[in-house]
Protein backbone atom coordinates (compact mmCIF):
# COMPACT_ATOMS: atom_id res chain seq x y z
CA MET A 1 -37.19 -232.13 -81.74
CA ASN A 2 -40.16 -231.04 -83.82
CA GLN A 3 -42.89 -229.04 -82.17
CA ILE A 4 -46.35 -230.48 -82.34
CA TRP A 5 -48.77 -228.29 -84.28
CA THR A 6 -51.92 -227.39 -82.46
CA PRO A 7 -54.87 -225.23 -83.58
CA HIS A 8 -56.43 -222.55 -81.41
CA LEU A 9 -59.56 -224.01 -79.86
CA THR A 10 -62.47 -221.58 -79.85
CA VAL A 11 -66.23 -221.68 -79.17
CA ALA A 12 -69.02 -219.55 -80.53
CA ALA A 13 -72.72 -219.06 -79.76
CA VAL A 14 -75.40 -218.91 -82.44
CA ILE A 15 -78.32 -217.28 -80.65
CA GLU A 16 -81.45 -216.63 -82.72
CA ARG A 17 -84.55 -214.73 -81.58
CA ASP A 18 -87.36 -213.95 -84.02
CA GLY A 19 -85.14 -214.35 -87.07
CA ARG A 20 -82.39 -212.18 -85.70
CA TYR A 21 -78.96 -213.27 -84.37
CA LEU A 22 -77.17 -211.86 -81.36
CA MET A 23 -73.91 -210.36 -82.57
CA VAL A 24 -71.11 -208.46 -80.96
CA GLU A 25 -69.46 -205.48 -82.55
CA GLU A 26 -65.83 -205.55 -81.47
CA ILE A 27 -62.35 -204.43 -82.24
CA SER A 28 -60.03 -207.12 -83.62
CA ASP A 29 -56.54 -206.33 -84.93
CA GLY A 30 -57.53 -202.65 -84.99
CA GLN A 31 -60.60 -203.32 -87.14
CA GLN A 32 -64.23 -202.88 -86.21
CA VAL A 33 -65.91 -206.27 -86.93
CA PHE A 34 -69.05 -208.30 -86.21
CA ASN A 35 -68.85 -211.76 -84.60
CA GLN A 36 -70.98 -214.12 -82.60
CA PRO A 37 -70.18 -214.15 -78.93
CA ALA A 38 -67.01 -216.27 -79.20
CA GLY A 39 -63.52 -216.83 -77.89
CA HIS A 40 -60.76 -219.14 -76.81
CA VAL A 41 -61.23 -222.10 -74.48
CA GLU A 42 -59.07 -221.70 -71.40
CA GLU A 43 -56.93 -224.49 -69.97
CA HIS A 44 -58.93 -226.94 -67.82
CA GLU A 45 -62.24 -225.37 -69.03
CA THR A 46 -64.94 -227.48 -70.66
CA LEU A 47 -66.29 -226.36 -74.01
CA LEU A 48 -69.74 -225.74 -72.49
CA ALA A 49 -68.27 -223.68 -69.65
CA ALA A 50 -66.23 -221.69 -72.21
CA VAL A 51 -69.19 -220.82 -74.41
CA ARG A 52 -71.27 -219.79 -71.42
CA ARG A 53 -68.42 -217.61 -70.16
CA GLU A 54 -67.80 -215.98 -73.50
CA VAL A 55 -71.50 -215.09 -73.94
CA MET A 56 -71.58 -213.58 -70.46
CA GLU A 57 -68.34 -211.61 -70.93
CA GLU A 58 -69.27 -210.26 -74.35
CA THR A 59 -73.06 -209.75 -73.99
CA GLY A 60 -73.85 -209.72 -70.26
CA ARG A 61 -76.35 -212.57 -70.80
CA ASP A 62 -76.69 -216.10 -69.47
CA PHE A 63 -76.48 -218.68 -72.26
CA GLU A 64 -77.94 -222.20 -72.33
CA PRO A 65 -76.45 -224.35 -75.12
CA GLU A 66 -78.95 -226.72 -76.75
CA ALA A 67 -76.97 -228.28 -79.59
CA ILE A 68 -73.77 -228.13 -81.57
CA CYS A 69 -74.51 -226.59 -84.98
CA GLY A 70 -71.01 -226.89 -86.46
CA ILE A 71 -67.40 -227.83 -85.99
CA TYR A 72 -65.01 -225.89 -88.21
CA ARG A 73 -61.32 -225.81 -89.02
CA TRP A 74 -60.17 -222.52 -90.53
CA HIS A 75 -56.71 -221.20 -91.39
CA ASN A 76 -56.59 -217.43 -91.13
CA PRO A 77 -54.37 -216.18 -93.96
CA HIS A 78 -53.69 -212.86 -92.20
CA ASN A 79 -52.17 -214.16 -88.96
CA GLN A 80 -51.31 -217.69 -90.14
CA VAL A 81 -53.21 -219.22 -87.22
CA THR A 82 -55.48 -222.24 -87.62
CA TYR A 83 -58.64 -222.28 -85.51
CA LEU A 84 -60.82 -225.19 -84.49
CA ARG A 85 -64.21 -223.69 -83.68
CA ILE A 86 -67.23 -225.39 -82.12
CA SER A 87 -70.44 -223.46 -82.65
CA TYR A 88 -73.26 -223.97 -80.20
CA ALA A 89 -76.92 -223.08 -80.79
CA GLY A 90 -78.92 -222.05 -77.77
CA ARG A 91 -80.96 -219.50 -75.93
CA CYS A 92 -79.94 -216.58 -73.77
CA SER A 93 -81.44 -214.35 -71.11
CA GLU A 94 -81.92 -210.63 -71.37
CA ARG A 95 -78.89 -208.60 -70.46
CA LEU A 96 -78.32 -208.84 -66.76
CA PRO A 97 -78.49 -205.53 -64.85
CA GLY A 98 -75.04 -204.24 -63.90
CA SER A 99 -73.22 -206.57 -66.29
CA GLU A 100 -70.06 -205.21 -67.84
CA LEU A 101 -68.82 -206.24 -71.29
CA ASP A 102 -65.21 -207.02 -72.28
CA ARG A 103 -63.32 -203.89 -73.13
CA ASP A 104 -63.03 -204.81 -76.82
CA ILE A 105 -66.79 -205.07 -77.22
CA LEU A 106 -68.30 -201.87 -78.62
CA ALA A 107 -71.97 -202.97 -78.71
CA THR A 108 -74.32 -205.90 -79.11
CA HIS A 109 -76.87 -206.14 -81.95
CA TRP A 110 -79.69 -208.37 -83.13
CA LEU A 111 -79.13 -208.71 -86.86
CA ASP A 112 -81.04 -210.74 -89.44
CA TYR A 113 -79.42 -212.90 -92.13
CA ALA A 114 -79.78 -210.25 -94.83
CA GLN A 115 -78.05 -207.67 -92.62
CA LEU A 116 -75.22 -210.09 -91.93
CA GLN A 117 -74.82 -210.76 -95.64
CA ALA A 118 -74.73 -206.97 -96.27
CA HIS A 119 -71.95 -206.65 -93.66
CA GLN A 120 -70.03 -209.71 -94.89
CA ALA A 121 -66.81 -207.72 -95.37
CA GLN A 122 -67.03 -206.68 -91.72
CA LEU A 123 -67.42 -210.16 -90.30
CA ARG A 124 -64.52 -211.31 -88.17
CA SER A 125 -64.14 -214.54 -90.17
CA PRO A 126 -66.04 -216.56 -92.71
CA LEU A 127 -67.07 -218.89 -89.84
CA VAL A 128 -69.58 -216.27 -88.60
CA LEU A 129 -71.87 -216.61 -91.59
CA ARG A 130 -71.11 -220.33 -92.02
CA GLY A 131 -72.33 -221.07 -88.47
CA ILE A 132 -75.54 -219.25 -89.09
CA GLU A 133 -76.07 -220.95 -92.47
CA ASP A 134 -75.57 -224.35 -90.81
CA TYR A 135 -78.04 -223.29 -88.11
CA LEU A 136 -80.56 -222.22 -90.74
CA ALA A 137 -80.10 -225.54 -92.54
CA GLY A 138 -81.18 -227.30 -89.35
CA GLN A 139 -77.82 -228.80 -88.45
CA ARG A 140 -78.00 -229.88 -84.82
CA LEU A 141 -75.65 -232.30 -83.16
CA PRO A 142 -76.17 -233.49 -79.58
CA LEU A 143 -74.21 -231.77 -76.83
CA ASP A 144 -72.98 -235.15 -75.62
CA LEU A 145 -71.17 -235.67 -78.93
CA VAL A 146 -68.18 -234.19 -77.10
CA ASP A 147 -67.03 -236.27 -74.11
CA GLU A 148 -65.38 -233.89 -71.66
CA ARG A 149 -64.45 -236.25 -68.82
């Protein structure tokens, strides 16, 4: 019997404050990279719960999604995995006192678009910049576009 192909379902948070974007500096496949707070959706977890959890785990901040700014399918040529990524735009709190970050997170940074372009080779995937470009273009889809009953 043939196996059914399924992509890896991930979420990401595009968080902008005063023209800068909240990014995480992390280790991925032994490389130091920049990414939005992002990660895999766990079984039985809603997309909104997943993006809130990922932001908390990677930045120590509460996140309130306001819109979907992009839905992307990307095949990673290095690991041969296809990802389906939903990027959410929203606001976050300041870092909560006593919050601990995932062990792979080295630091968090607020970077502007020019800084991200300058670090393009260090972005975890092309979806990082694409999500910010769609956000800058004003792309906003309603949260209820996804029915999670």
